[in-house]
mmCIF file of all heavy atoms, coordinates in Angstrom:
data_MODEL
# 
_entry.id   MODEL 
# 
loop_
_atom_site.group_PDB 
_atom_site.id 
_atom_site.type_symbol 
_atom_site.label_atom_id 
_atom_site.label_alt_id 
_atom_site.label_comp_id 
_atom_site.label_asym_id 
_atom_site.label_entity_id 
_atom_site.label_seq_id 
_atom_site.pdbx_PDB_ins_code 
_atom_site.Cartn_x 
_atom_site.Cartn_y 
_atom_site.Cartn_z 
_atom_site.occupancy 
_atom_site.B_iso_or_equiv 
_atom_site.pdbx_formal_charge 
_atom_site.auth_seq_id 
_atom_site.auth_comp_id 
_atom_site.auth_asym_id 
_atom_site.auth_atom_id 
_atom_site.pdbx_PDB_model_num 
ATOM 1   N N   . LEU A 1 1  ? 104.816 90.428 223.484 1.00 0.00 ? 1  LEU A N   1 
ATOM 2   C CA  . LEU A 1 1  ? 104.177 90.164 224.835 1.00 0.00 ? 1  LEU A CA  1 
ATOM 3   C C   . LEU A 1 1  ? 102.840 89.570 224.519 1.00 0.00 ? 1  LEU A C   1 
ATOM 4   O O   . LEU A 1 1  ? 101.950 90.181 223.935 1.00 0.00 ? 1  LEU A O   1 
ATOM 5   C CB  . LEU A 1 1  ? 104.099 91.372 225.664 1.00 0.00 ? 1  LEU A CB  1 
ATOM 6   C CG  . LEU A 1 1  ? 105.450 91.799 226.276 1.00 0.00 ? 1  LEU A CG  1 
ATOM 7   C CD1 . LEU A 1 1  ? 105.394 93.230 226.807 1.00 0.00 ? 1  LEU A CD1 1 
ATOM 8   C CD2 . LEU A 1 1  ? 105.829 90.845 227.432 1.00 0.00 ? 1  LEU A CD2 1 
ATOM 9   N N   . LEU A 1 2  ? 102.628 88.344 224.969 1.00 0.00 ? 2  LEU A N   1 
ATOM 10  C CA  . LEU A 1 2  ? 101.395 87.602 224.657 1.00 0.00 ? 2  LEU A CA  1 
ATOM 11  C C   . LEU A 1 2  ? 100.722 87.202 225.960 1.00 0.00 ? 2  LEU A C   1 
ATOM 12  O O   . LEU A 1 2  ? 101.141 86.219 226.619 1.00 0.00 ? 2  LEU A O   1 
ATOM 13  C CB  . LEU A 1 2  ? 101.737 86.320 223.834 1.00 0.00 ? 2  LEU A CB  1 
ATOM 14  C CG  . LEU A 1 2  ? 100.547 85.489 223.342 1.00 0.00 ? 2  LEU A CG  1 
ATOM 15  C CD1 . LEU A 1 2  ? 99.681  86.233 222.349 1.00 0.00 ? 2  LEU A CD1 1 
ATOM 16  C CD2 . LEU A 1 2  ? 101.065 84.148 222.756 1.00 0.00 ? 2  LEU A CD2 1 
ATOM 17  N N   . SER A 1 3  ? 99.674  87.898 226.320 1.00 0.00 ? 3  SER A N   1 
ATOM 18  C CA  . SER A 1 3  ? 98.955  87.644 227.605 1.00 0.00 ? 3  SER A CA  1 
ATOM 19  C C   . SER A 1 3  ? 97.979  86.505 227.449 1.00 0.00 ? 3  SER A C   1 
ATOM 20  O O   . SER A 1 3  ? 97.658  85.811 228.410 1.00 0.00 ? 3  SER A O   1 
ATOM 21  C CB  . SER A 1 3  ? 98.248  88.863 228.038 1.00 0.00 ? 3  SER A CB  1 
ATOM 22  O OG  . SER A 1 3  ? 97.157  89.159 227.177 1.00 0.00 ? 3  SER A OG  1 
ATOM 23  N N   . GLY A 1 4  ? 97.448  86.319 226.211 1.00 0.00 ? 4  GLY A N   1 
ATOM 24  C CA  . GLY A 1 4  ? 96.376  85.396 226.008 1.00 0.00 ? 4  GLY A CA  1 
ATOM 25  C C   . GLY A 1 4  ? 95.057  86.091 225.712 1.00 0.00 ? 4  GLY A C   1 
ATOM 26  O O   . GLY A 1 4  ? 94.053  85.472 225.380 1.00 0.00 ? 4  GLY A O   1 
ATOM 27  N N   . GLY A 1 5  ? 95.056  87.437 225.820 1.00 0.00 ? 5  GLY A N   1 
ATOM 28  C CA  . GLY A 1 5  ? 93.860  88.227 225.518 1.00 0.00 ? 5  GLY A CA  1 
ATOM 29  C C   . GLY A 1 5  ? 93.776  88.508 224.030 1.00 0.00 ? 5  GLY A C   1 
ATOM 30  O O   . GLY A 1 5  ? 94.703  88.292 223.237 1.00 0.00 ? 5  GLY A O   1 
ATOM 31  N N   . LEU A 1 6  ? 92.634  89.120 223.648 1.00 0.00 ? 6  LEU A N   1 
ATOM 32  C CA  . LEU A 1 6  ? 92.363  89.412 222.229 1.00 0.00 ? 6  LEU A CA  1 
ATOM 33  C C   . LEU A 1 6  ? 93.392  90.422 221.702 1.00 0.00 ? 6  LEU A C   1 
ATOM 34  O O   . LEU A 1 6  ? 93.897  90.279 220.576 1.00 0.00 ? 6  LEU A O   1 
ATOM 35  C CB  . LEU A 1 6  ? 90.961  89.970 222.057 1.00 0.00 ? 6  LEU A CB  1 
ATOM 36  C CG  . LEU A 1 6  ? 90.538  90.407 220.695 1.00 0.00 ? 6  LEU A CG  1 
ATOM 37  C CD1 . LEU A 1 6  ? 90.498  89.206 219.735 1.00 0.00 ? 6  LEU A CD1 1 
ATOM 38  C CD2 . LEU A 1 6  ? 89.195  91.136 220.708 1.00 0.00 ? 6  LEU A CD2 1 
ATOM 39  N N   . ASP A 1 7  ? 93.686  91.417 222.503 1.00 0.00 ? 7  ASP A N   1 
ATOM 40  C CA  . ASP A 1 7  ? 94.609  92.497 221.974 1.00 0.00 ? 7  ASP A CA  1 
ATOM 41  C C   . ASP A 1 7  ? 95.987  91.915 221.737 1.00 0.00 ? 7  ASP A C   1 
ATOM 42  O O   . ASP A 1 7  ? 96.591  92.198 220.675 1.00 0.00 ? 7  ASP A O   1 
ATOM 43  C CB  . ASP A 1 7  ? 94.713  93.603 223.036 1.00 0.00 ? 7  ASP A CB  1 
ATOM 44  C CG  . ASP A 1 7  ? 93.435  94.428 223.180 1.00 0.00 ? 7  ASP A CG  1 
ATOM 45  O OD1 . ASP A 1 7  ? 92.437  94.092 222.516 1.00 0.00 ? 7  ASP A OD1 1 
ATOM 46  O OD2 . ASP A 1 7  ? 93.440  95.352 224.001 1.00 0.00 ? 7  ASP A OD2 1 
ATOM 47  N N   . SER A 1 8  ? 96.511  91.090 222.584 1.00 0.00 ? 8  SER A N   1 
ATOM 48  C CA  . SER A 1 8  ? 97.834  90.558 222.403 1.00 0.00 ? 8  SER A CA  1 
ATOM 49  C C   . SER A 1 8  ? 97.864  89.533 221.256 1.00 0.00 ? 8  SER A C   1 
ATOM 50  O O   . SER A 1 8  ? 98.861  89.391 220.547 1.00 0.00 ? 8  SER A O   1 
ATOM 51  C CB  . SER A 1 8  ? 98.382  89.885 223.703 1.00 0.00 ? 8  SER A CB  1 
ATOM 52  O OG  . SER A 1 8  ? 97.703  88.734 224.026 1.00 0.00 ? 8  SER A OG  1 
ATOM 53  N N   . MET A 1 9  ? 96.712  88.866 221.060 1.00 0.00 ? 9  MET A N   1 
ATOM 54  C CA  . MET A 1 9  ? 96.594  87.907 219.942 1.00 0.00 ? 9  MET A CA  1 
ATOM 55  C C   . MET A 1 9  ? 96.676  88.615 218.622 1.00 0.00 ? 9  MET A C   1 
ATOM 56  O O   . MET A 1 9  ? 97.440  88.266 217.720 1.00 0.00 ? 9  MET A O   1 
ATOM 57  C CB  . MET A 1 9  ? 95.239  87.170 220.026 1.00 0.00 ? 9  MET A CB  1 
ATOM 58  C CG  . MET A 1 9  ? 95.000  86.177 218.937 1.00 0.00 ? 9  MET A CG  1 
ATOM 59  S SD  . MET A 1 9  ? 93.254  85.560 219.027 1.00 0.00 ? 9  MET A SD  1 
ATOM 60  C CE  . MET A 1 9  ? 93.460  83.957 218.283 1.00 0.00 ? 9  MET A CE  1 
ATOM 61  N N   . VAL A 1 10 ? 95.922  89.758 218.479 1.00 0.00 ? 10 VAL A N   1 
ATOM 62  C CA  . VAL A 1 10 ? 95.952  90.553 217.281 1.00 0.00 ? 10 VAL A CA  1 
ATOM 63  C C   . VAL A 1 10 ? 97.348  91.152 217.084 1.00 0.00 ? 10 VAL A C   1 
ATOM 64  O O   . VAL A 1 10 ? 97.863  91.193 215.985 1.00 0.00 ? 10 VAL A O   1 
ATOM 65  C CB  . VAL A 1 10 ? 94.871  91.661 217.308 1.00 0.00 ? 10 VAL A CB  1 
ATOM 66  C CG1 . VAL A 1 10 ? 95.045  92.625 216.167 1.00 0.00 ? 10 VAL A CG1 1 
ATOM 67  C CG2 . VAL A 1 10 ? 93.473  90.975 217.271 1.00 0.00 ? 10 VAL A CG2 1 
ATOM 68  N N   . CYS A 1 11 ? 97.962  91.616 218.167 1.00 0.00 ? 11 CYS A N   1 
ATOM 69  C CA  . CYS A 1 11 ? 99.289  92.187 218.104 1.00 0.00 ? 11 CYS A CA  1 
ATOM 70  C C   . CYS A 1 11 ? 100.313 91.205 217.561 1.00 0.00 ? 11 CYS A C   1 
ATOM 71  O O   . CYS A 1 11 ? 101.121 91.507 216.676 1.00 0.00 ? 11 CYS A O   1 
ATOM 72  C CB  . CYS A 1 11 ? 99.668  92.686 219.498 1.00 0.00 ? 11 CYS A CB  1 
ATOM 73  S SG  . CYS A 1 11 ? 101.181 93.625 219.535 1.00 0.00 ? 11 CYS A SG  1 
ATOM 74  N N   . ALA A 1 12 ? 100.260 89.967 218.065 1.00 0.00 ? 12 ALA A N   1 
ATOM 75  C CA  . ALA A 1 12 ? 101.158 88.921 217.596 1.00 0.00 ? 12 ALA A CA  1 
ATOM 76  C C   . ALA A 1 12 ? 100.946 88.606 216.096 1.00 0.00 ? 12 ALA A C   1 
ATOM 77  O O   . ALA A 1 12 ? 101.894 88.434 215.326 1.00 0.00 ? 12 ALA A O   1 
ATOM 78  C CB  . ALA A 1 12 ? 100.984 87.661 218.391 1.00 0.00 ? 12 ALA A CB  1 
ATOM 79  N N   . ALA A 1 13 ? 99.678  88.572 215.692 1.00 0.00 ? 13 ALA A N   1 
ATOM 80  C CA  . ALA A 1 13 ? 99.345  88.299 214.279 1.00 0.00 ? 13 ALA A CA  1 
ATOM 81  C C   . ALA A 1 13 ? 99.855  89.401 213.377 1.00 0.00 ? 13 ALA A C   1 
ATOM 82  O O   . ALA A 1 13 ? 100.250 89.166 212.266 1.00 0.00 ? 13 ALA A O   1 
ATOM 83  C CB  . ALA A 1 13 ? 97.867  88.063 214.134 1.00 0.00 ? 13 ALA A CB  1 
ATOM 84  N N   . LEU A 1 14 ? 99.759  90.651 213.881 1.00 0.00 ? 14 LEU A N   1 
ATOM 85  C CA  . LEU A 1 14 ? 100.250 91.787 213.077 1.00 0.00 ? 14 LEU A CA  1 
ATOM 86  C C   . LEU A 1 14 ? 101.797 91.723 212.919 1.00 0.00 ? 14 LEU A C   1 
ATOM 87  O O   . LEU A 1 14 ? 102.332 92.071 211.867 1.00 0.00 ? 14 LEU A O   1 
ATOM 88  C CB  . LEU A 1 14 ? 99.809  93.081 213.712 1.00 0.00 ? 14 LEU A CB  1 
ATOM 89  C CG  . LEU A 1 14 ? 98.329  93.443 213.576 1.00 0.00 ? 14 LEU A CG  1 
ATOM 90  C CD1 . LEU A 1 14 ? 97.966  94.656 214.421 1.00 0.00 ? 14 LEU A CD1 1 
ATOM 91  C CD2 . LEU A 1 14 ? 97.950  93.663 212.133 1.00 0.00 ? 14 LEU A CD2 1 
ATOM 92  N N   . ALA A 1 15 ? 102.453 91.297 213.990 1.00 0.00 ? 15 ALA A N   1 
ATOM 93  C CA  . ALA A 1 15 ? 103.935 91.166 213.911 1.00 0.00 ? 15 ALA A CA  1 
ATOM 94  C C   . ALA A 1 15 ? 104.259 90.092 212.868 1.00 0.00 ? 15 ALA A C   1 
ATOM 95  O O   . ALA A 1 15 ? 105.171 90.285 212.056 1.00 0.00 ? 15 ALA A O   1 
ATOM 96  C CB  . ALA A 1 15 ? 104.503 90.791 215.274 1.00 0.00 ? 15 ALA A CB  1 
ATOM 97  N N   . ARG A 1 16 ? 103.530 88.985 212.890 1.00 0.00 ? 16 ARG A N   1 
ATOM 98  C CA  . ARG A 1 16 ? 103.753 87.955 211.899 1.00 0.00 ? 16 ARG A CA  1 
ATOM 99  C C   . ARG A 1 16 ? 103.435 88.475 210.460 1.00 0.00 ? 16 ARG A C   1 
ATOM 100 O O   . ARG A 1 16 ? 104.193 88.217 209.529 1.00 0.00 ? 16 ARG A O   1 
ATOM 101 C CB  . ARG A 1 16 ? 102.872 86.733 212.203 1.00 0.00 ? 16 ARG A CB  1 
ATOM 102 C CG  . ARG A 1 16 ? 103.046 85.585 211.228 1.00 0.00 ? 16 ARG A CG  1 
ATOM 103 C CD  . ARG A 1 16 ? 102.118 84.429 211.585 1.00 0.00 ? 16 ARG A CD  1 
ATOM 104 N NE  . ARG A 1 16 ? 100.713 84.825 211.409 1.00 0.00 ? 16 ARG A NE  1 
ATOM 105 C CZ  . ARG A 1 16 ? 99.701  83.961 211.645 1.00 0.00 ? 16 ARG A CZ  1 
ATOM 106 N NH1 . ARG A 1 16 ? 99.918  82.693 212.037 1.00 0.00 ? 16 ARG A NH1 1 
ATOM 107 N NH2 . ARG A 1 16 ? 98.452  84.389 211.495 1.00 0.00 ? 16 ARG A NH2 1 
ATOM 108 N N   . GLU A 1 17 ? 102.362 89.233 210.344 1.00 0.00 ? 17 GLU A N   1 
ATOM 109 C CA  . GLU A 1 17 ? 101.978 89.738 209.041 1.00 0.00 ? 17 GLU A CA  1 
ATOM 110 C C   . GLU A 1 17 ? 103.063 90.710 208.502 1.00 0.00 ? 17 GLU A C   1 
ATOM 111 O O   . GLU A 1 17 ? 103.243 90.768 207.243 1.00 0.00 ? 17 GLU A O   1 
ATOM 112 C CB  . GLU A 1 17 ? 100.647 90.504 209.151 1.00 0.00 ? 17 GLU A CB  1 
ATOM 113 C CG  . GLU A 1 17 ? 100.115 91.007 207.804 1.00 0.00 ? 17 GLU A CG  1 
ATOM 114 C CD  . GLU A 1 17 ? 98.790  91.719 207.925 1.00 0.00 ? 17 GLU A CD  1 
ATOM 115 O OE1 . GLU A 1 17 ? 98.674  92.710 208.695 1.00 0.00 ? 17 GLU A OE1 1 
ATOM 116 O OE2 . GLU A 1 17 ? 97.842  91.296 207.263 1.00 0.00 ? 17 GLU A OE2 1 
ATOM 117 N N   . ARG A 1 18 ? 103.750 91.393 209.379 1.00 0.00 ? 18 ARG A N   1 
ATOM 118 C CA  . ARG A 1 18 ? 104.838 92.329 208.979 1.00 0.00 ? 18 ARG A CA  1 
ATOM 119 C C   . ARG A 1 18 ? 106.106 91.566 208.640 1.00 0.00 ? 18 ARG A C   1 
ATOM 120 O O   . ARG A 1 18 ? 107.122 92.179 208.284 1.00 0.00 ? 18 ARG A O   1 
ATOM 121 C CB  . ARG A 1 18 ? 105.073 93.348 210.046 1.00 0.00 ? 18 ARG A CB  1 
ATOM 122 C CG  . ARG A 1 18 ? 103.920 94.278 210.263 1.00 0.00 ? 18 ARG A CG  1 
ATOM 123 C CD  . ARG A 1 18 ? 104.248 95.346 211.334 1.00 0.00 ? 18 ARG A CD  1 
ATOM 124 N NE  . ARG A 1 18 ? 103.069 96.150 211.684 1.00 0.00 ? 18 ARG A NE  1 
ATOM 125 C CZ  . ARG A 1 18 ? 103.072 97.148 212.562 1.00 0.00 ? 18 ARG A CZ  1 
ATOM 126 N NH1 . ARG A 1 18 ? 104.203 97.450 213.204 1.00 0.00 ? 18 ARG A NH1 1 
ATOM 127 N NH2 . ARG A 1 18 ? 101.973 97.829 212.814 1.00 0.00 ? 18 ARG A NH2 1 
ATOM 128 N N   . GLY A 1 19 ? 106.109 90.274 208.758 1.00 0.00 ? 19 GLY A N   1 
ATOM 129 C CA  . GLY A 1 19 ? 107.261 89.468 208.364 1.00 0.00 ? 19 GLY A CA  1 
ATOM 130 C C   . GLY A 1 19 ? 108.226 89.095 209.452 1.00 0.00 ? 19 GLY A C   1 
ATOM 131 O O   . GLY A 1 19 ? 109.298 88.521 209.185 1.00 0.00 ? 19 GLY A O   1 
ATOM 132 N N   . PHE A 1 20 ? 107.904 89.360 210.725 1.00 0.00 ? 20 PHE A N   1 
ATOM 133 C CA  . PHE A 1 20 ? 108.786 89.049 211.824 1.00 0.00 ? 20 PHE A CA  1 
ATOM 134 C C   . PHE A 1 20 ? 108.711 87.594 212.198 1.00 0.00 ? 20 PHE A C   1 
ATOM 135 O O   . PHE A 1 20 ? 107.625 86.955 212.067 1.00 0.00 ? 20 PHE A O   1 
ATOM 136 C CB  . PHE A 1 20 ? 108.442 89.879 213.027 1.00 0.00 ? 20 PHE A CB  1 
ATOM 137 C CG  . PHE A 1 20 ? 108.866 91.309 212.949 1.00 0.00 ? 20 PHE A CG  1 
ATOM 138 C CD1 . PHE A 1 20 ? 107.966 92.330 212.569 1.00 0.00 ? 20 PHE A CD1 1 
ATOM 139 C CD2 . PHE A 1 20 ? 110.181 91.702 213.221 1.00 0.00 ? 20 PHE A CD2 1 
ATOM 140 C CE1 . PHE A 1 20 ? 108.345 93.646 212.477 1.00 0.00 ? 20 PHE A CE1 1 
ATOM 141 C CE2 . PHE A 1 20 ? 110.571 93.042 213.133 1.00 0.00 ? 20 PHE A CE2 1 
ATOM 142 C CZ  . PHE A 1 20 ? 109.655 93.993 212.753 1.00 0.00 ? 20 PHE A CZ  1 
ATOM 143 N N   . GLU A 1 21 ? 109.828 87.066 212.667 1.00 0.00 ? 21 GLU A N   1 
ATOM 144 C CA  . GLU A 1 21 ? 109.821 85.772 213.435 1.00 0.00 ? 21 GLU A CA  1 
ATOM 145 C C   . GLU A 1 21 ? 109.315 86.106 214.796 1.00 0.00 ? 21 GLU A C   1 
ATOM 146 O O   . GLU A 1 21 ? 109.876 86.932 215.538 1.00 0.00 ? 21 GLU A O   1 
ATOM 147 C CB  . GLU A 1 21 ? 111.217 85.212 213.483 1.00 0.00 ? 21 GLU A CB  1 
ATOM 148 C CG  . GLU A 1 21 ? 111.297 83.889 214.216 1.00 0.00 ? 21 GLU A CG  1 
ATOM 149 C CD  . GLU A 1 21 ? 112.723 83.359 214.229 1.00 0.00 ? 21 GLU A CD  1 
ATOM 150 O OE1 . GLU A 1 21 ? 113.551 83.764 213.352 1.00 0.00 ? 21 GLU A OE1 1 
ATOM 151 O OE2 . GLU A 1 21 ? 113.032 82.575 215.137 1.00 0.00 ? 21 GLU A OE2 1 
ATOM 152 N N   . VAL A 1 22 ? 108.173 85.503 215.216 1.00 0.00 ? 22 VAL A N   1 
ATOM 153 C CA  . VAL A 1 22 ? 107.475 85.917 216.457 1.00 0.00 ? 22 VAL A CA  1 
ATOM 154 C C   . VAL A 1 22 ? 108.014 85.042 217.636 1.00 0.00 ? 22 VAL A C   1 
ATOM 155 O O   . VAL A 1 22 ? 107.829 83.793 217.627 1.00 0.00 ? 22 VAL A O   1 
ATOM 156 C CB  . VAL A 1 22 ? 105.990 85.742 216.285 1.00 0.00 ? 22 VAL A CB  1 
ATOM 157 C CG1 . VAL A 1 22 ? 105.275 85.972 217.658 1.00 0.00 ? 22 VAL A CG1 1 
ATOM 158 C CG2 . VAL A 1 22 ? 105.429 86.669 215.231 1.00 0.00 ? 22 VAL A CG2 1 
ATOM 159 N N   . LEU A 1 23 ? 108.629 85.741 218.567 1.00 0.00 ? 23 LEU A N   1 
ATOM 160 C CA  . LEU A 1 23 ? 109.084 85.137 219.814 1.00 0.00 ? 23 LEU A CA  1 
ATOM 161 C C   . LEU A 1 23 ? 108.127 85.605 220.887 1.00 0.00 ? 23 LEU A C   1 
ATOM 162 O O   . LEU A 1 23 ? 108.214 86.761 221.332 1.00 0.00 ? 23 LEU A O   1 
ATOM 163 C CB  . LEU A 1 23 ? 110.530 85.520 220.121 1.00 0.00 ? 23 LEU A CB  1 
ATOM 164 C CG  . LEU A 1 23 ? 111.600 85.294 219.019 1.00 0.00 ? 23 LEU A CG  1 
ATOM 165 C CD1 . LEU A 1 23 ? 112.951 85.680 219.519 1.00 0.00 ? 23 LEU A CD1 1 
ATOM 166 C CD2 . LEU A 1 23 ? 111.549 83.891 218.490 1.00 0.00 ? 23 LEU A CD2 1 
ATOM 167 N N   . ALA A 1 24 ? 107.207 84.790 221.255 1.00 0.00 ? 24 ALA A N   1 
ATOM 168 C CA  . ALA A 1 24 ? 106.131 85.147 222.157 1.00 0.00 ? 24 ALA A CA  1 
ATOM 169 C C   . ALA A 1 24 ? 106.586 84.996 223.633 1.00 0.00 ? 24 ALA A C   1 
ATOM 170 O O   . ALA A 1 24 ? 107.104 83.945 224.005 1.00 0.00 ? 24 ALA A O   1 
ATOM 171 C CB  . ALA A 1 24 ? 104.880 84.340 221.919 1.00 0.00 ? 24 ALA A CB  1 
# 
């Protein structure tokens, strides 16, 4: 879930760092 805020940005980057294909 990507709102555009800082928290969701960091959350998406952490998902990517964990090796996931990110579907935002």
